[in-house]
C-alpha atoms as a PDB file:
ATOM      1  CA  UNK A   1       0.025   0.044  -0.031  1.00  0.00           C
ATOM      2  CA  UNK A   2       3.325   1.837  -1.005  1.00  0.00           C
ATOM      3  CA  UNK A   3       1.424   4.237  -3.600  1.00  0.00           C
ATOM      4  CA  UNK A   4      -1.788   4.702  -1.666  1.00  0.00           C
ATOM      5  CA  UNK A   5      -1.463   7.974   0.137  1.00  0.00           C
ATOM      6  CA  UNK A   6      -5.421   8.750   0.198  1.00  0.00           C
ATOM      7  CA  UNK A   7      -6.377   5.319   1.085  1.00  0.00           C
ATOM      8  CA  UNK A   8      -3.903   5.109   4.014  1.00  0.00           C
ATOM      9  CA  UNK A   9      -4.996   8.673   5.318  1.00  0.00           C
ATOM     10  CA  UNK A  10      -9.040   7.690   5.017  1.00  0.00           C
ATOM     11  CA  UNK A  11      -8.242   4.206   6.539  1.00  0.00           C
ATOM     12  CA  UNK A  12      -6.035   6.190   9.529  1.00  0.00           C
ATOM     13  CA  UNK A  13      -9.119   8.192  10.144  1.00  0.00           C
ATOM     14  CA  UNK A  14     -11.667   5.080  10.124  1.00  0.00           C
ATOM     15  CA  UNK A  15     -13.772   5.619   7.428  1.00  0.00           C
ATOM     16  CA  UNK A  16     -12.778   2.330   5.703  1.00  0.00           C
ATOM     17  CA  UNK A  17     -11.131  -1.116   7.958  1.00  0.00           C
ATOM     18  CA  UNK A  18      -9.282  -3.978   7.267  1.00  0.00           C
ATOM     19  CA  UNK A  19     -11.785  -5.580   4.966  1.00  0.00           C
ATOM     20  CA  UNK A  20     -10.777  -3.303   2.211  1.00  0.00           C
ATOM     21  CA  UNK A  21      -6.502  -3.835   2.623  1.00  0.00           C
ATOM     22  CA  UNK A  22      -6.520  -6.567   0.041  1.00  0.00           C
ATOM     23  CA  UNK A  23      -7.645  -4.405  -2.973  1.00  0.00           C
ATOM     24  CA  UNK A  24      -5.312  -1.783  -1.841  1.00  0.00           C
ATOM     25  CA  UNK A  25      -2.524  -4.404  -2.104  1.00  0.00           C
ATOM     26  CA  UNK A  26      -3.753  -5.949  -4.779  1.00  0.00           C
ATOM     27  CA  UNK A  27      -5.166  -3.009  -7.124  1.00  0.00           C
ATOM     28  CA  UNK A  28      -3.272  -0.109  -5.379  1.00  0.00           C
ATOM     29  CA  UNK A  29      -3.502   2.598  -8.591  1.00  0.00           C
ATOM     30  CA  UNK A  30      -7.422   1.762  -9.213  1.00  0.00           C
ATOM     31  CA  UNK A  31      -7.678   1.956  -5.099  1.00  0.00           C
ATOM     32  CA  UNK A  32      -6.089   5.238  -5.327  1.00  0.00           C
ATOM     33  CA  UNK A  33      -7.858   6.778  -7.843  1.00  0.00           C
ATOM     34  CA  UNK A  34     -11.490   5.819  -5.791  1.00  0.00           C
ATOM     35  CA  UNK A  35      -9.744   6.977  -2.710  1.00  0.00           C
ATOM     36  CA  UNK A  36      -9.088  10.406  -4.183  1.00  0.00           C
ATOM     37  CA  UNK A  37     -13.501  10.851  -4.875  1.00  0.00           C
ATOM     38  CA  UNK A  38     -13.788  10.077  -1.371  1.00  0.00           C
ATOM     39  CA  UNK A  39     -11.274  12.349   0.067  1.00  0.00           C
ATOM     40  CA  UNK A  40     -12.505  15.170  -2.183  1.00  0.00           C
ATOM     41  CA  UNK A  41     -15.775  14.993  -0.777  1.00  0.00           C
ATOM     42  CA  UNK A  42     -14.780  14.650   2.896  1.00  0.00           C
ATOM     43  CA  UNK A  43     -12.302  18.120   2.614  1.00  0.00           C
ATOM     44  CA  UNK A  44     -14.485  19.820   0.530  1.00  0.00           C
ATOM     45  CA  UNK A  45     -17.105  21.331   2.765  1.00  0.00           C
ATOM     46  CA  UNK A  46     -19.880  21.922   1.261  1.00  0.00           C
ATOM     47  CA  UNK A  47     -21.868  19.972   3.496  1.00  0.00           C
ATOM     48  CA  UNK A  48     -21.162  19.968   6.891  1.00  0.00           C
ATOM     49  CA  UNK A  49     -19.244  17.112   8.177  1.00  0.00           C
ATOM     50  CA  UNK A  50     -22.024  15.398  10.413  1.00  0.00           C
ATOM     51  CA  UNK A  51     -24.546  15.861   7.416  1.00  0.00           C
ATOM     52  CA  UNK A  52     -21.745  13.892   5.387  1.00  0.00           C
ATOM     53  CA  UNK A  53     -21.936  10.788   8.143  1.00  0.00           C
ATOM     54  CA  UNK A  54     -25.444  10.816   9.004  1.00  0.00           C
ATOM     55  CA  UNK A  55     -25.950  10.434   4.933  1.00  0.00           C
ATOM     56  CA  UNK A  56     -23.461   7.571   4.794  1.00  0.00           C
ATOM     57  CA  UNK A  57     -25.135   6.108   7.833  1.00  0.00           C
ATOM     58  CA  UNK A  58     -28.747   6.222   6.520  1.00  0.00           C
ATOM     59  CA  UNK A  59     -27.527   4.657   3.331  1.00  0.00           C
ATOM     60  CA  UNK A  60     -26.490   1.750   4.852  1.00  0.00           C
ATOM     61  CA  UNK A  61     -29.136   1.366   7.222  1.00  0.00           C
ATOM     62  CA  UNK A  62     -32.193   1.403   4.713  1.00  0.00           C
ATOM     63  CA  UNK A  63     -34.113  -1.603   4.470  1.00  0.00           C
ATOM     64  CA  UNK A  64     -33.128  -1.535   0.588  1.00  0.00           C
ATOM     65  CA  UNK A  65     -29.638  -2.068   1.648  1.00  0.00           C
ATOM     66  CA  UNK A  66     -29.025  -3.367   5.441  1.00  0.00           C
ATOM     67  CA  UNK A  67     -25.584  -2.944   5.081  1.00  0.00           C
ATOM     68  CA  UNK A  68     -24.251  -4.011   9.191  1.00  0.00           C
ATOM     69  CA  UNK A  69     -20.471  -3.495   8.449  1.00  0.00           C
ATOM     70  CA  UNK A  70     -20.850  -0.287   6.690  1.00  0.00           C
ATOM     71  CA  UNK A  71     -23.378   0.612   9.737  1.00  0.00           C
ATOM     72  CA  UNK A  72     -21.322  -0.462  12.837  1.00  0.00           C
ATOM     73  CA  UNK A  73     -18.208   1.385  10.859  1.00  0.00           C
ATOM     74  CA  UNK A  74     -20.608   5.006  10.117  1.00  0.00           C
ATOM     75  CA  UNK A  75     -22.315   4.981  13.776  1.00  0.00           C
ATOM     76  CA  UNK A  76     -18.610   4.984  15.177  1.00  0.00           C
ATOM     77  CA  UNK A  77     -17.334   7.714  12.598  1.00  0.00           C
ATOM     78  CA  UNK A  78     -20.776   9.719  13.622  1.00  0.00           C
ATOM     79  CA  UNK A  79     -19.927   9.190  17.199  1.00  0.00           C
ATOM     80  CA  UNK A  80     -16.223  10.150  16.742  1.00  0.00           C
ATOM     81  CA  UNK A  81     -17.310  13.607  15.575  1.00  0.00           C
ATOM     82  CA  UNK A  82     -19.626  14.633  18.034  1.00  0.00           C
ATOM     83  CA  UNK A  83     -23.277  13.107  16.322  1.00  0.00           C
ATOM     84  CA  UNK A  84     -25.197  12.273  18.875  1.00  0.00           C
ATOM     85  CA  UNK A  85     -27.196   9.412  19.987  1.00  0.00           C
ATOM     86  CA  UNK A  86     -30.258  11.257  19.850  1.00  0.00           C
ATOM     87  CA  UNK A  87     -29.461  12.380  15.833  1.00  0.00           C
ATOM     88  CA  UNK A  88     -28.738   8.761  15.263  1.00  0.00           C
ATOM     89  CA  UNK A  89     -31.545   7.540  16.510  1.00  0.00           C
ATOM     90  CA  UNK A  90     -33.525  10.069  14.124  1.00  0.00           C
ATOM     91  CA  UNK A  91     -32.066   8.669  10.777  1.00  0.00           C
ATOM     92  CA  UNK A  92     -33.334   5.191  12.141  1.00  0.00           C
ATOM     93  CA  UNK A  93     -36.658   6.528  12.215  1.00  0.00           C
ATOM     94  CA  UNK A  94     -36.326   8.347   8.995  1.00  0.00           C
ATOM     95  CA  UNK A  95     -34.918   5.495   7.351  1.00  0.00           C
ATOM     96  CA  UNK A  96     -38.121   3.316   9.167  1.00  0.00           C
ATOM     97  CA  UNK A  97     -40.275   5.519   6.907  1.00  0.00           C
ATOM     98  CA  UNK A  98     -39.374   4.028   3.390  1.00  0.00           C
ATOM     99  CA  UNK A  99     -41.724   1.067   4.092  1.00  0.00           C
ATOM    100  CA  UNK A 100     -44.805   4.237   2.985  1.00  0.00           C
ATOM    101  CA  UNK A 101     -43.097   3.207  -0.552  1.00  0.00           C
ATOM    102  CA  UNK A 102     -44.801   0.079  -0.621  1.00  0.00           C
ATOM    103  CA  UNK A 103     -48.086   1.596  -0.506  1.00  0.00           C
ATOM    104  CA  UNK A 104     -47.231   4.337  -2.830  1.00  0.00           C
ATOM    105  CA  UNK A 105     -45.802   2.129  -5.592  1.00  0.00           C
ATOM    106  CA  UNK A 106     -48.482  -0.804  -5.174  1.00  0.00           C
ATOM    107  CA  UNK A 107     -51.712   1.000  -4.200  1.00  0.00           C
ATOM    108  CA  UNK A 108     -51.989   2.828  -7.533  1.00  0.00           C
ATOM    109  CA  UNK A 109     -50.902  -0.518  -9.535  1.00  0.00           C
ATOM    110  CA  UNK A 110     -54.058  -2.436  -7.638  1.00  0.00           C
ATOM    111  CA  UNK A 111     -55.985   0.488  -8.264  1.00  0.00           C
ATOM    112  CA  UNK A 112     -55.338   0.352 -11.866  1.00  0.00           C
ATOM    113  CA  UNK A 113     -56.047  -3.571 -11.821  1.00  0.00           C
ATOM    114  CA  UNK A 114     -58.956  -3.518 -10.002  1.00  0.00           C
ATOM    115  CA  UNK A 115     -60.411  -1.048 -12.720  1.00  0.00           C
ATOM    116  CA  UNK A 116     -59.258  -3.495 -15.307  1.00  0.00           C
ATOM    117  CA  UNK A 117     -60.986  -6.544 -13.513  1.00  0.00           C
ATOM    118  CA  UNK A 118     -64.373  -4.466 -13.167  1.00  0.00           C
ATOM    119  CA  UNK A 119     -64.049  -5.542  -9.468  1.00  0.00           C
ATOM    120  CA  UNK A 120     -65.145  -2.873  -6.607  1.00  0.00           C
ATOM    121  CA  UNK A 121     -62.884  -0.018  -5.695  1.00  0.00           C
ATOM    122  CA  UNK A 122     -65.215   1.599  -2.602  1.00  0.00           C
ATOM    123  CA  UNK A 123     -63.828   4.072   0.049  1.00  0.00           C
ATOM    124  CA  UNK A 124     -63.533   3.169   3.632  1.00  0.00           C
ATOM    125  CA  UNK A 125     -66.079   4.332   5.606  1.00  0.00           C
ATOM    126  CA  UNK A 126     -64.057   6.603   8.408  1.00  0.00           C
ATOM    127  CA  UNK A 127     -65.217   7.907  11.653  1.00  0.00           C
ATOM    128  CA  UNK A 128     -61.872   9.239  12.577  1.00  0.00           C
ATOM    129  CA  UNK A 129     -60.494  12.495  12.592  1.00  0.00           C
ATOM    130  CA  UNK A 130     -56.933  12.789  10.351  1.00  0.00           C
ATOM    131  CA  UNK A 131     -55.745  15.924  11.475  1.00  0.00           C
ATOM    132  CA  UNK A 132     -51.815  14.829  10.147  1.00  0.00           C
ATOM    133  CA  UNK A 133     -53.287  14.456   6.574  1.00  0.00           C
ATOM    134  CA  UNK A 134     -55.288  17.260   6.822  1.00  0.00           C
ATOM    135  CA  UNK A 135     -52.496  19.793   7.866  1.00  0.00           C
ATOM    136  CA  UNK A 136     -50.229  17.838   5.147  1.00  0.00           C
ATOM    137  CA  UNK A 137     -52.807  18.893   2.541  1.00  0.00           C
ATOM    138  CA  UNK A 138     -53.099  22.284   3.799  1.00  0.00           C
ATOM    139  CA  UNK A 139     -49.169  22.828   3.404  1.00  0.00           C
ATOM    140  CA  UNK A 140     -49.160  21.100  -0.012  1.00  0.00           C
ATOM    141  CA  UNK A 141     -47.046  18.068   1.310  1.00  0.00           C
ATOM    142  CA  UNK A 142     -49.617  15.366   1.010  1.00  0.00           C
ATOM    143  CA  UNK A 143     -47.900  13.012  -1.773  1.00  0.00           C
ATOM    144  CA  UNK A 144     -50.706  12.705  -4.492  1.00  0.00           C
ATOM    145  CA  UNK A 145     -49.854   8.786  -4.727  1.00  0.00           C
ATOM    146  CA  UNK A 146     -51.049   8.504  -1.394  1.00  0.00           C
ATOM    147  CA  UNK A 147     -54.386   9.509  -2.486  1.00  0.00           C
ATOM    148  CA  UNK A 148     -56.245   6.267  -2.961  1.00  0.00           C
ATOM    149  CA  UNK A 149     -54.847   4.534   0.510  1.00  0.00           C
ATOM    150  CA  UNK A 150     -56.517   7.886   2.305  1.00  0.00           C
ATOM    151  CA  UNK A 151     -59.568   6.588   0.438  1.00  0.00           C
ATOM    152  CA  UNK A 152     -59.378   2.985   0.917  1.00  0.00           C
ATOM    153  CA  UNK A 153     -57.684   3.237   4.791  1.00  0.00           C
ATOM    154  CA  UNK A 154     -57.513   7.049   6.027  1.00  0.00           C
ATOM    155  CA  UNK A 155     -56.897   5.869   9.650  1.00  0.00           C
ATOM    156  CA  UNK A 156     -53.660   3.477   8.983  1.00  0.00           C
ATOM    157  CA  UNK A 157     -52.274   6.670   6.241  1.00  0.00           C
ATOM    158  CA  UNK A 158     -52.983   8.839   9.506  1.00  0.00           C
ATOM    159  CA  UNK A 159     -51.153   6.775  12.091  1.00  0.00           C
ATOM    160  CA  UNK A 160     -47.922   6.264   9.411  1.00  0.00           C
ATOM    161  CA  UNK A 161     -47.506   9.654   8.928  1.00  0.00           C
ATOM    162  CA  UNK A 162     -48.245  10.625  12.604  1.00  0.00           C
ATOM    163  CA  UNK A 163     -45.415   8.622  13.341  1.00  0.00           C
ATOM    164  CA  UNK A 164     -42.860   9.289   9.837  1.00  0.00           C
ATOM    165  CA  UNK A 165     -43.362  13.188  10.504  1.00  0.00           C
ATOM    166  CA  UNK A 166     -42.181  13.836  13.636  1.00  0.00           C
ATOM    167  CA  UNK A 167     -38.827  13.982  12.075  1.00  0.00           C
ATOM    168  CA  UNK A 168     -39.779  17.128  10.549  1.00  0.00           C
ATOM    169  CA  UNK A 169     -41.462  18.370  13.822  1.00  0.00           C
ATOM    170  CA  UNK A 170     -39.258  17.491  16.785  1.00  0.00           C
ATOM    171  CA  UNK A 171     -36.191  19.637  16.123  1.00  0.00           C
ATOM    172  CA  UNK A 172     -33.600  17.295  16.530  1.00  0.00           C
ATOM    173  CA  UNK A 173     -31.933  17.754  12.585  1.00  0.00           C
ATOM    174  CA  UNK A 174     -32.726  20.724  10.852  1.00  0.00           C
ATOM    175  CA  UNK A 175     -35.170  20.682   8.519  1.00  0.00           C
ATOM    176  CA  UNK A 176     -32.992  20.888   5.326  1.00  0.00           C
ATOM    177  CA  UNK A 177     -30.730  18.205   6.612  1.00  0.00           C
ATOM    178  CA  UNK A 178     -34.206  15.720   7.039  1.00  0.00           C
ATOM    179  CA  UNK A 179     -34.697  16.611   3.166  1.00  0.00           C
ATOM    180  CA  UNK A 180     -30.990  15.359   2.097  1.00  0.00           C
ATOM    181  CA  UNK A 181     -30.811  12.492   3.781  1.00  0.00           C
ATOM    182  CA  UNK A 182     -34.105  11.425   2.352  1.00  0.00           C
ATOM    183  CA  UNK A 183     -32.545  12.591  -1.136  1.00  0.00           C
ATOM    184  CA  UNK A 184     -29.865  10.444  -0.395  1.00  0.00           C
ATOM    185  CA  UNK A 185     -32.215   7.555   1.033  1.00  0.00           C
ATOM    186  CA  UNK A 186     -34.749   7.502  -1.891  1.00  0.00           C
ATOM    187  CA  UNK A 187     -31.899   8.296  -4.667  1.00  0.00           C
ATOM    188  CA  UNK A 188     -29.455   5.052  -3.093  1.00  0.00           C
ATOM    189  CA  UNK A 189     -28.447   2.549  -5.748  1.00  0.00           C
ATOM    190  CA  UNK A 190     -30.437   0.188  -4.205  1.00  0.00           C
ATOM    191  CA  UNK A 191     -33.576   2.016  -4.198  1.00  0.00           C
ATOM    192  CA  UNK A 192     -33.631   4.579  -6.740  1.00  0.00           C
ATOM    193  CA  UNK A 193     -37.188   6.086  -6.065  1.00  0.00           C
ATOM    194  CA  UNK A 194     -37.602   9.047  -8.495  1.00  0.00           C
ATOM    195  CA  UNK A 195     -40.776  10.291  -7.083  1.00  0.00           C
ATOM    196  CA  UNK A 196     -39.730  10.813  -3.479  1.00  0.00           C
ATOM    197  CA  UNK A 197     -36.640  12.091  -4.721  1.00  0.00           C
ATOM    198  CA  UNK A 198     -38.036  14.945  -7.100  1.00  0.00           C
ATOM    199  CA  UNK A 199     -40.706  15.635  -3.748  1.00  0.00           C
ATOM    200  CA  UNK A 200     -37.762  16.066  -1.318  1.00  0.00           C
ATOM    201  CA  UNK A 201     -35.342  17.938  -3.971  1.00  0.00           C
ATOM    202  CA  UNK A 202     -38.421  20.337  -3.994  1.00  0.00           C
ATOM    203  CA  UNK A 203     -38.892  20.809  -0.852  1.00  0.00           C
ATOM    204  CA  UNK A 204     -35.033  21.159   0.296  1.00  0.00           C
ATOM    205  CA  UNK A 205     -34.525  24.077  -2.689  1.00  0.00           C
ATOM    206  CA  UNK A 206     -37.831  25.189  -0.834  1.00  0.00           C
ATOM    207  CA  UNK A 207     -35.922  25.742   2.290  1.00  0.00           C
ATOM    208  CA  UNK A 208     -32.628  27.063   0.488  1.00  0.00           C
ATOM    209  CA  UNK A 209     -30.646  23.800  -0.891  1.00  0.00           C
ATOM    210  CA  UNK A 210     -28.425  24.934  -3.093  1.00  0.00           C
ATOM    211  CA  UNK A 211     -27.447  22.878  -6.749  1.00  0.00           C
ATOM    212  CA  UNK A 212     -23.875  22.161  -5.533  1.00  0.00           C
ATOM    213  CA  UNK A 213     -25.538  20.654  -2.084  1.00  0.00           C
ATOM    214  CA  UNK A 214     -27.478  18.808  -3.398  1.00  0.00           C
ATOM    215  CA  UNK A 215     -24.873  17.319  -6.137  1.00  0.00           C
ATOM    216  CA  UNK A 216     -22.712  16.673  -3.109  1.00  0.00           C
ATOM    217  CA  UNK A 217     -25.746  14.531  -2.021  1.00  0.00           C
ATOM    218  CA  UNK A 218     -25.611  12.384  -5.075  1.00  0.00           C
ATOM    219  CA  UNK A 219     -21.689  12.281  -4.933  1.00  0.00           C
ATOM    220  CA  UNK A 220     -21.691  10.827  -1.562  1.00  0.00           C
ATOM    221  CA  UNK A 221     -24.716   8.368  -2.918  1.00  0.00           C
ATOM    222  CA  UNK A 222     -22.295   7.225  -5.777  1.00  0.00           C
ATOM    223  CA  UNK A 223     -19.532   6.052  -3.264  1.00  0.00           C
ATOM    224  CA  UNK A 224     -22.055   3.283  -2.122  1.00  0.00           C
ATOM    225  CA  UNK A 225     -20.960   1.225  -5.401  1.00  0.00           C
ATOM    226  CA  UNK A 226     -17.435   0.612  -3.237  1.00  0.00           C
ATOM    227  CA  UNK A 227     -18.955  -2.202  -0.690  1.00  0.00           C
ATOM    228  CA  UNK A 228     -19.013  -4.207  -3.918  1.00  0.00           C
ATOM    229  CA  UNK A 229     -14.933  -4.638  -2.790  1.00  0.00           C
ATOM    230  CA  UNK A 230     -15.350  -3.921   0.899  1.00  0.00           C
ATOM    231  CA  UNK A 231     -17.652  -6.949   0.652  1.00  0.00           C
ATOM    232  CA  UNK A 232     -16.558  -9.459  -2.052  1.00  0.00           C
ATOM    233  CA  UNK A 233     -12.198  -8.799  -1.263  1.00  0.00           C
ATOM    234  CA  UNK A 234     -12.332 -10.701   2.094  1.00  0.00           C
ATOM    235  CA  UNK A 235     -14.528 -13.620   0.542  1.00  0.00           C
ATOM    236  CA  UNK A 236     -12.234 -13.759  -2.367  1.00  0.00           C
ATOM    237  CA  UNK A 237      -8.744 -13.618  -0.303  1.00  0.00           C
ATOM    238  CA  UNK A 238     -10.753 -16.357   2.223  1.00  0.00           C
ATOM    239  CA  UNK A 239     -11.052 -18.147  -0.995  1.00  0.00           C
ATOM    240  CA  UNK A 240      -8.070 -18.268  -2.648  1.00  0.00           C
ATOM    241  CA  UNK A 241      -6.549 -19.066   0.945  1.00  0.00           C
ATOM    242  CA  UNK A 242      -8.851 -22.291   0.854  1.00  0.00           C
ATOM    243  CA  UNK A 243      -7.956 -22.712  -3.170  1.00  0.00           C
ATOM    244  CA  UNK A 244      -4.358 -22.989  -1.735  1.00  0.00           C
ATOM    245  CA  UNK A 245      -4.442 -25.152   1.240  1.00  0.00           C
ATOM    246  CA  UNK A 246      -6.164 -27.334  -1.126  1.00  0.00           C
END
């Protein structure tokens, strides 16, 4: 690893661990090219370091990925630079909300197929009030993809949004940070949820986000691909050792 200055620096800082050492030894030039990208993002100060750490965390902890090795490392790094337990828990809570995408995607499809099959599409009778949904409609933040699930099961949607919107309201993370985290979670290479990415970009811009900041979120997400090597190289090392032993 003599020719991997940036990798050695990032390794010493804790952003990478021993899982990538094999790649640095076998492919030092390629490793250094990739680490140059990582180093540039770490040093450009377009986004606050704490926010960068939380973006890295939400990528790995979201249900579309659940990369435990990365989650553990990003928690350590976040704590090291002063992120609190409460702030990390907010990321976990925010990542949990991704479950609503099952309804946002599936319900309109079900509605269309019911119509094609000539089956009933009756609205549910709801005697409960839905203040969260009503508030979001007034604010213009009610997702149009939720309209049918609201008609079919308004109480379910109300309870889900009551849980989900608390991250925006409790003030633990700045609202703009929440939108950046949502953009990252939706645009991640294991999810690529176009509708959500667009909505959260719109919300971020409305809160004053710049093109450079949102682009930086995309660049951080793009680095997620390196986990192929983080996962695969140690397995290759193990297989090669077993092969030689045989």
